[in-house]
Amino acid sequence: MPTLLAELQALETELHHPGRPHARGRLEQLLHADFHEVGRSGRPYDRATVLDWLASQAVPPATVSHSFRLEYLAPGTALLHYRSVRQDGQGGPAEHTLRMSLWVETAAGWQLRYHQGTPAAPAPAPHP
């Protein structure tokens, strides 16, 4: 049985759709009825807007997510932290983002209740 971190990481990255389009029904399963988001831009988005945008994406984003960690906040509530890096596709500078997703366990399974992206400096290089 996968750990909660592995399970939520898999659900989170499913929303990133690496190489496959999103089925709207599956997106509706993953996003809680009260889902909302503050994007990397600082703009707020509601569930309907995010569902429409995700369902319209046919090409996988040039984004790599890594450094996942989990905070278990209460029974059935977990906060997933991670970092993402998106290339602009033209060899320009990458966008580094710190991300947090609040997942809640419901009768339908784990659902994403809230997401936020914050612009970040590049991660420091590991020490030798």
N, C-alpha and C. Protein backbone atom coordinates (compact mmCIF):
# COMPACT_ATOMS: atom_id res chain seq x y z
N MET A 1 0.85 -1.18 0.00
CA MET A 1 0.00 0.00 0.00
C MET A 1 0.90 1.25 0.00
N PRO A 2 0.62 2.21 -0.88
CA PRO A 2 1.48 3.39 -0.94
C PRO A 2 1.31 4.26 0.30
N THR A 3 2.35 5.01 0.62
CA THR A 3 2.26 5.95 1.72
C THR A 3 1.34 7.10 1.30
N LEU A 4 0.89 7.86 2.27
CA LEU A 4 0.04 9.00 1.95
C LEU A 4 0.79 10.00 1.07
N LEU A 5 2.06 10.22 1.34
CA LEU A 5 2.85 11.12 0.50
C LEU A 5 2.85 10.63 -0.94
N ALA A 6 3.11 9.35 -1.16
CA ALA A 6 3.14 8.81 -2.52
C ALA A 6 1.77 8.92 -3.18
N GLU A 7 0.72 8.65 -2.43
CA GLU A 7 -0.64 8.72 -2.99
C GLU A 7 -0.99 10.14 -3.41
N LEU A 8 -0.74 11.11 -2.53
CA LEU A 8 -1.09 12.50 -2.86
C LEU A 8 -0.18 13.07 -3.93
N GLN A 9 1.07 12.68 -3.94
CA GLN A 9 1.98 13.11 -5.01
C GLN A 9 1.48 12.60 -6.35
N ALA A 10 1.03 11.35 -6.39
CA ALA A 10 0.49 10.79 -7.64
C ALA A 10 -0.76 11.53 -8.09
N LEU A 11 -1.64 11.86 -7.16
CA LEU A 11 -2.86 12.60 -7.51
C LEU A 11 -2.52 14.01 -7.98
N GLU A 12 -1.61 14.65 -7.29
CA GLU A 12 -1.19 16.01 -7.66
C GLU A 12 -0.59 16.02 -9.06
N THR A 13 0.32 15.11 -9.33
CA THR A 13 0.97 15.12 -10.64
C THR A 13 0.03 14.62 -11.74
N GLU A 14 -1.00 13.89 -11.38
CA GLU A 14 -2.03 13.55 -12.37
C GLU A 14 -2.67 14.82 -12.91
N LEU A 15 -2.83 15.81 -12.06
CA LEU A 15 -3.40 17.09 -12.49
C LEU A 15 -2.45 17.83 -13.44
N HIS A 16 -1.17 17.51 -13.40
CA HIS A 16 -0.20 18.13 -14.31
C HIS A 16 -0.24 17.48 -15.69
N HIS A 17 -0.94 16.38 -15.81
CA HIS A 17 -1.14 15.56 -17.00
C HIS A 17 0.11 15.37 -17.85
N PRO A 18 1.07 14.64 -17.33
CA PRO A 18 2.27 14.40 -18.14
C PRO A 18 1.99 13.52 -19.35
N GLY A 19 1.69 14.16 -20.47
CA GLY A 19 1.55 13.43 -21.72
C GLY A 19 0.16 12.93 -22.06
N ARG A 20 -0.84 13.26 -21.25
CA ARG A 20 -2.18 12.80 -21.59
C ARG A 20 -3.20 13.90 -21.26
N PRO A 21 -4.22 14.06 -22.08
CA PRO A 21 -5.23 15.08 -21.81
C PRO A 21 -6.07 14.69 -20.58
N HIS A 22 -6.71 15.67 -20.01
CA HIS A 22 -7.56 15.43 -18.85
C HIS A 22 -8.99 15.08 -19.27
N ALA A 23 -9.54 14.08 -18.63
CA ALA A 23 -10.96 13.79 -18.78
C ALA A 23 -11.69 14.65 -17.76
N ARG A 24 -12.67 15.39 -18.20
CA ARG A 24 -13.36 16.32 -17.29
C ARG A 24 -13.94 15.60 -16.07
N GLY A 25 -14.50 14.42 -16.27
CA GLY A 25 -15.06 13.67 -15.14
C GLY A 25 -14.01 13.37 -14.08
N ARG A 26 -12.81 13.00 -14.52
CA ARG A 26 -11.74 12.71 -13.57
C ARG A 26 -11.32 13.98 -12.84
N LEU A 27 -11.24 15.09 -13.55
CA LEU A 27 -10.90 16.36 -12.91
C LEU A 27 -11.93 16.73 -11.84
N GLU A 28 -13.20 16.52 -12.16
CA GLU A 28 -14.26 16.82 -11.20
C GLU A 28 -14.15 15.93 -9.96
N GLN A 29 -13.65 14.71 -10.14
CA GLN A 29 -13.40 13.82 -9.01
C GLN A 29 -12.27 14.33 -8.13
N LEU A 30 -11.23 14.85 -8.76
CA LEU A 30 -10.04 15.27 -8.03
C LEU A 30 -10.20 16.61 -7.32
N LEU A 31 -10.97 17.53 -7.91
CA LEU A 31 -11.12 18.86 -7.32
C LEU A 31 -12.37 18.91 -6.45
N HIS A 32 -12.19 19.22 -5.20
CA HIS A 32 -13.27 19.33 -4.23
C HIS A 32 -14.31 20.35 -4.73
N ALA A 33 -15.55 20.19 -4.34
CA ALA A 33 -16.61 21.12 -4.76
C ALA A 33 -16.30 22.56 -4.35
N ASP A 34 -15.56 22.75 -3.27
CA ASP A 34 -15.21 24.09 -2.80
C ASP A 34 -13.78 24.48 -3.17
N PHE A 35 -13.21 23.80 -4.16
CA PHE A 35 -11.84 24.09 -4.57
C PHE A 35 -11.69 25.54 -5.02
N HIS A 36 -10.56 26.13 -4.66
CA HIS A 36 -10.15 27.42 -5.20
C HIS A 36 -8.63 27.48 -5.16
N GLU A 37 -8.09 28.43 -5.88
CA GLU A 37 -6.64 28.50 -6.06
C GLU A 37 -6.19 29.95 -6.12
N VAL A 38 -4.98 30.19 -5.66
CA VAL A 38 -4.27 31.44 -5.93
C VAL A 38 -3.09 31.04 -6.78
N GLY A 39 -3.09 31.47 -8.02
CA GLY A 39 -2.05 31.08 -8.96
C GLY A 39 -0.73 31.77 -8.69
N ARG A 40 0.27 31.33 -9.40
CA ARG A 40 1.61 31.91 -9.31
C ARG A 40 1.58 33.41 -9.56
N SER A 41 0.63 33.83 -10.38
CA SER A 41 0.47 35.25 -10.72
C SER A 41 -0.11 36.07 -9.58
N GLY A 42 -0.65 35.41 -8.57
CA GLY A 42 -1.34 36.11 -7.49
C GLY A 42 -2.83 36.24 -7.74
N ARG A 43 -3.29 35.78 -8.90
CA ARG A 43 -4.71 35.86 -9.23
C ARG A 43 -5.47 34.68 -8.61
N PRO A 44 -6.68 34.96 -8.10
CA PRO A 44 -7.52 33.87 -7.58
C PRO A 44 -8.29 33.22 -8.72
N TYR A 45 -8.51 31.92 -8.59
CA TYR A 45 -9.29 31.16 -9.58
C TYR A 45 -10.29 30.28 -8.85
N ASP A 46 -11.48 30.18 -9.41
CA ASP A 46 -12.48 29.29 -8.82
C ASP A 46 -12.43 27.92 -9.50
N ARG A 47 -13.18 26.99 -8.97
CA ARG A 47 -13.18 25.61 -9.46
C ARG A 47 -13.55 25.54 -10.93
N ALA A 48 -14.61 26.25 -11.34
CA ALA A 48 -15.08 26.18 -12.72
C ALA A 48 -14.00 26.65 -13.69
N THR A 49 -13.31 27.72 -13.36
CA THR A 49 -12.25 28.25 -14.22
C THR A 49 -11.11 27.24 -14.36
N VAL A 50 -10.71 26.65 -13.24
CA VAL A 50 -9.61 25.68 -13.27
C VAL A 50 -10.02 24.42 -14.02
N LEU A 51 -11.25 23.95 -13.80
CA LEU A 51 -11.73 22.78 -14.55
C LEU A 51 -11.71 23.04 -16.05
N ASP A 52 -12.22 24.19 -16.46
CA ASP A 52 -12.25 24.53 -17.89
C ASP A 52 -10.84 24.59 -18.46
N TRP A 53 -9.92 25.24 -17.74
CA TRP A 53 -8.56 25.38 -18.23
C TRP A 53 -7.87 24.03 -18.32
N LEU A 54 -7.93 23.22 -17.25
CA LEU A 54 -7.26 21.92 -17.27
C LEU A 54 -7.83 21.02 -18.37
N ALA A 55 -9.14 21.02 -18.54
CA ALA A 55 -9.77 20.17 -19.54
C ALA A 55 -9.40 20.59 -20.97
N SER A 56 -8.99 21.84 -21.15
CA SER A 56 -8.67 22.32 -22.50
C SER A 56 -7.21 22.09 -22.87
N GLN A 57 -6.38 21.67 -21.95
CA GLN A 57 -4.95 21.50 -22.21
C GLN A 57 -4.68 20.16 -22.87
N ALA A 58 -4.20 20.20 -24.11
CA ALA A 58 -3.92 18.96 -24.84
C ALA A 58 -2.44 18.60 -24.84
N VAL A 59 -1.58 19.57 -24.58
CA VAL A 59 -0.14 19.35 -24.61
C VAL A 59 0.39 19.43 -23.18
N PRO A 60 1.20 18.47 -22.78
CA PRO A 60 1.72 18.53 -21.42
C PRO A 60 2.60 19.76 -21.21
N PRO A 61 2.54 20.36 -20.04
CA PRO A 61 3.36 21.54 -19.78
C PRO A 61 4.84 21.16 -19.66
N ALA A 62 5.70 22.11 -19.94
CA ALA A 62 7.14 21.89 -19.81
C ALA A 62 7.53 22.17 -18.36
N THR A 63 6.95 21.41 -17.46
CA THR A 63 7.13 21.63 -16.03
C THR A 63 7.61 20.36 -15.36
N VAL A 64 8.54 20.52 -14.45
CA VAL A 64 9.02 19.41 -13.64
C VAL A 64 8.74 19.76 -12.19
N SER A 65 8.10 18.86 -11.47
CA SER A 65 7.81 19.06 -10.05
C SER A 65 8.69 18.12 -9.24
N HIS A 66 9.16 18.62 -8.10
CA HIS A 66 10.07 17.81 -7.29
C HIS A 66 10.04 18.29 -5.84
N SER A 67 10.80 17.63 -4.99
CA SER A 67 10.95 17.98 -3.58
C SER A 67 9.62 17.97 -2.83
N PHE A 68 8.83 16.95 -3.08
CA PHE A 68 7.54 16.81 -2.40
C PHE A 68 7.75 16.47 -0.93
N ARG A 69 6.96 17.10 -0.08
CA ARG A 69 6.91 16.72 1.32
C ARG A 69 5.48 16.95 1.82
N LEU A 70 5.14 16.27 2.88
CA LEU A 70 3.75 16.26 3.35
C LEU A 70 3.68 16.66 4.81
N GLU A 71 2.69 17.48 5.14
CA GLU A 71 2.34 17.77 6.53
C GLU A 71 0.96 17.18 6.76
N TYR A 72 0.86 16.31 7.72
CA TYR A 72 -0.42 15.73 8.10
C TYR A 72 -1.03 16.67 9.13
N LEU A 73 -2.08 17.41 8.77
CA LEU A 73 -2.62 18.45 9.63
C LEU A 73 -3.64 17.94 10.64
N ALA A 74 -4.45 16.99 10.22
CA ALA A 74 -5.50 16.42 11.07
C ALA A 74 -6.02 15.19 10.34
N PRO A 75 -6.79 14.35 11.01
CA PRO A 75 -7.34 13.20 10.29
C PRO A 75 -8.08 13.66 9.02
N GLY A 76 -7.67 13.11 7.90
CA GLY A 76 -8.32 13.43 6.63
C GLY A 76 -7.92 14.76 6.02
N THR A 77 -6.86 15.39 6.53
CA THR A 77 -6.42 16.69 6.01
C THR A 77 -4.90 16.70 5.92
N ALA A 78 -4.38 16.99 4.74
CA ALA A 78 -2.93 16.98 4.54
C ALA A 78 -2.53 18.13 3.62
N LEU A 79 -1.35 18.70 3.91
CA LEU A 79 -0.80 19.79 3.12
C LEU A 79 0.42 19.28 2.38
N LEU A 80 0.35 19.32 1.06
CA LEU A 80 1.44 18.85 0.21
C LEU A 80 2.25 20.05 -0.25
N HIS A 81 3.55 20.04 0.01
CA HIS A 81 4.47 21.09 -0.42
C HIS A 81 5.33 20.53 -1.54
N TYR A 82 5.64 21.35 -2.53
CA TYR A 82 6.60 20.94 -3.54
C TYR A 82 7.09 22.14 -4.32
N ARG A 83 8.05 21.90 -5.17
CA ARG A 83 8.63 22.94 -6.02
C ARG A 83 8.42 22.52 -7.47
N SER A 84 8.15 23.50 -8.32
CA SER A 84 8.06 23.20 -9.76
C SER A 84 8.95 24.18 -10.52
N VAL A 85 9.41 23.70 -11.67
CA VAL A 85 10.23 24.51 -12.57
C VAL A 85 9.63 24.37 -13.96
N ARG A 86 9.32 25.51 -14.57
CA ARG A 86 8.76 25.50 -15.93
C ARG A 86 9.69 26.23 -16.86
N GLN A 87 10.05 25.56 -17.96
CA GLN A 87 10.86 26.19 -19.01
C GLN A 87 9.92 26.95 -19.94
N ASP A 88 10.41 28.01 -20.54
CA ASP A 88 9.55 28.79 -21.44
C ASP A 88 9.45 28.20 -22.84
N GLY A 89 10.21 27.15 -23.14
CA GLY A 89 10.14 26.50 -24.45
C GLY A 89 11.02 27.15 -25.50
N GLN A 90 11.55 28.32 -25.22
CA GLN A 90 12.41 29.04 -26.16
C GLN A 90 13.83 29.16 -25.63
N GLY A 91 14.15 28.41 -24.60
CA GLY A 91 15.48 28.48 -24.00
C GLY A 91 15.65 29.63 -23.04
N GLY A 92 14.55 30.33 -22.76
CA GLY A 92 14.60 31.46 -21.83
C GLY A 92 14.64 30.98 -20.38
N PRO A 93 14.61 31.93 -19.47
CA PRO A 93 14.71 31.57 -18.06
C PRO A 93 13.53 30.73 -17.59
N ALA A 94 13.83 29.88 -16.67
CA ALA A 94 12.82 29.01 -16.08
C ALA A 94 12.05 29.78 -15.01
N GLU A 95 10.80 29.39 -14.81
CA GLU A 95 10.00 29.92 -13.71
C GLU A 95 10.04 28.91 -12.57
N HIS A 96 10.53 29.33 -11.43
CA HIS A 96 10.57 28.49 -10.25
C HIS A 96 9.40 28.87 -9.36
N THR A 97 8.70 27.88 -8.85
CA THR A 97 7.51 28.12 -8.05
C THR A 97 7.48 27.19 -6.85
N LEU A 98 7.16 27.75 -5.69
CA LEU A 98 6.86 26.95 -4.51
C LEU A 98 5.36 26.73 -4.51
N ARG A 99 4.95 25.50 -4.28
CA ARG A 99 3.53 25.16 -4.36
C ARG A 99 3.07 24.45 -3.10
N MET A 100 1.79 24.71 -2.75
CA MET A 100 1.17 24.04 -1.62
C MET A 100 -0.24 23.65 -2.03
N SER A 101 -0.61 22.42 -1.70
CA SER A 101 -1.94 21.92 -2.01
C SER A 101 -2.55 21.32 -0.75
N LEU A 102 -3.75 21.73 -0.45
CA LEU A 102 -4.48 21.19 0.70
C LEU A 102 -5.40 20.09 0.21
N TRP A 103 -5.15 18.87 0.66
CA TRP A 103 -5.94 17.71 0.27
C TRP A 103 -6.81 17.28 1.44
N VAL A 104 -8.07 16.95 1.15
CA VAL A 104 -8.98 16.46 2.17
C VAL A 104 -9.53 15.10 1.74
N GLU A 105 -9.71 14.23 2.71
CA GLU A 105 -10.26 12.91 2.43
C GLU A 105 -11.77 12.99 2.55
N THR A 106 -12.46 12.58 1.50
CA THR A 106 -13.92 12.62 1.45
C THR A 106 -14.44 11.22 1.13
N ALA A 107 -15.74 11.09 1.07
CA ALA A 107 -16.34 9.81 0.70
C ALA A 107 -15.92 9.40 -0.72
N ALA A 108 -15.55 10.38 -1.55
CA ALA A 108 -15.11 10.11 -2.93
C ALA A 108 -13.61 9.85 -3.01
N GLY A 109 -12.90 9.89 -1.89
CA GLY A 109 -11.45 9.74 -1.87
C GLY A 109 -10.79 11.07 -1.59
N TRP A 110 -9.47 11.13 -1.78
CA TRP A 110 -8.74 12.38 -1.54
C TRP A 110 -9.07 13.37 -2.64
N GLN A 111 -9.38 14.61 -2.22
CA GLN A 111 -9.71 15.67 -3.17
C GLN A 111 -8.90 16.92 -2.83
N LEU A 112 -8.53 17.63 -3.88
CA LEU A 112 -7.79 18.88 -3.73
C LEU A 112 -8.76 20.00 -3.38
N ARG A 113 -8.54 20.64 -2.22
CA ARG A 113 -9.45 21.67 -1.71
C ARG A 113 -8.94 23.07 -2.00
N TYR A 114 -7.58 23.22 -1.98
CA TYR A 114 -6.99 24.54 -2.18
C TYR A 114 -5.57 24.35 -2.74
N HIS A 115 -5.17 25.26 -3.63
CA HIS A 115 -3.81 25.22 -4.18
C HIS A 115 -3.29 26.64 -4.28
N GLN A 116 -1.97 26.79 -4.01
CA GLN A 116 -1.34 28.09 -4.17
C GLN A 116 0.05 27.91 -4.75
N GLY A 117 0.40 28.79 -5.67
CA GLY A 117 1.74 28.84 -6.24
C GLY A 117 2.37 30.19 -5.93
N THR A 118 3.62 30.20 -5.52
CA THR A 118 4.33 31.43 -5.17
C THR A 118 5.64 31.48 -5.95
N PRO A 119 5.91 32.56 -6.68
CA PRO A 119 7.19 32.66 -7.38
C PRO A 119 8.34 32.46 -6.41
N ALA A 120 9.39 31.80 -6.88
CA ALA A 120 10.53 31.49 -6.01
C ALA A 120 11.84 31.66 -6.77
N ALA A 121 12.89 31.87 -6.02
CA ALA A 121 14.24 31.87 -6.58
C ALA A 121 14.60 30.42 -6.92
N PRO A 122 15.53 30.23 -7.83
CA PRO A 122 15.98 28.86 -8.11
C PRO A 122 16.47 28.19 -6.83
N ALA A 123 16.27 26.89 -6.76
CA ALA A 123 16.74 26.12 -5.60
C ALA A 123 18.24 26.17 -5.54
N PRO A 124 18.79 26.27 -4.34
CA PRO A 124 20.26 26.27 -4.25
C PRO A 124 20.82 24.91 -4.67
N ALA A 125 22.01 24.95 -5.23
CA ALA A 125 22.65 23.70 -5.63
C ALA A 125 23.01 22.90 -4.39
N PRO A 126 22.91 21.57 -4.47
CA PRO A 126 23.29 20.76 -3.31
C PRO A 126 24.78 20.91 -3.01
N HIS A 127 25.10 20.83 -1.74
CA HIS A 127 26.50 20.92 -1.31
C HIS A 127 27.21 19.61 -1.61
N PRO A 128 28.47 19.68 -2.06
CA PRO A 128 29.21 18.43 -2.36
C PRO A 128 29.53 17.66 -1.10
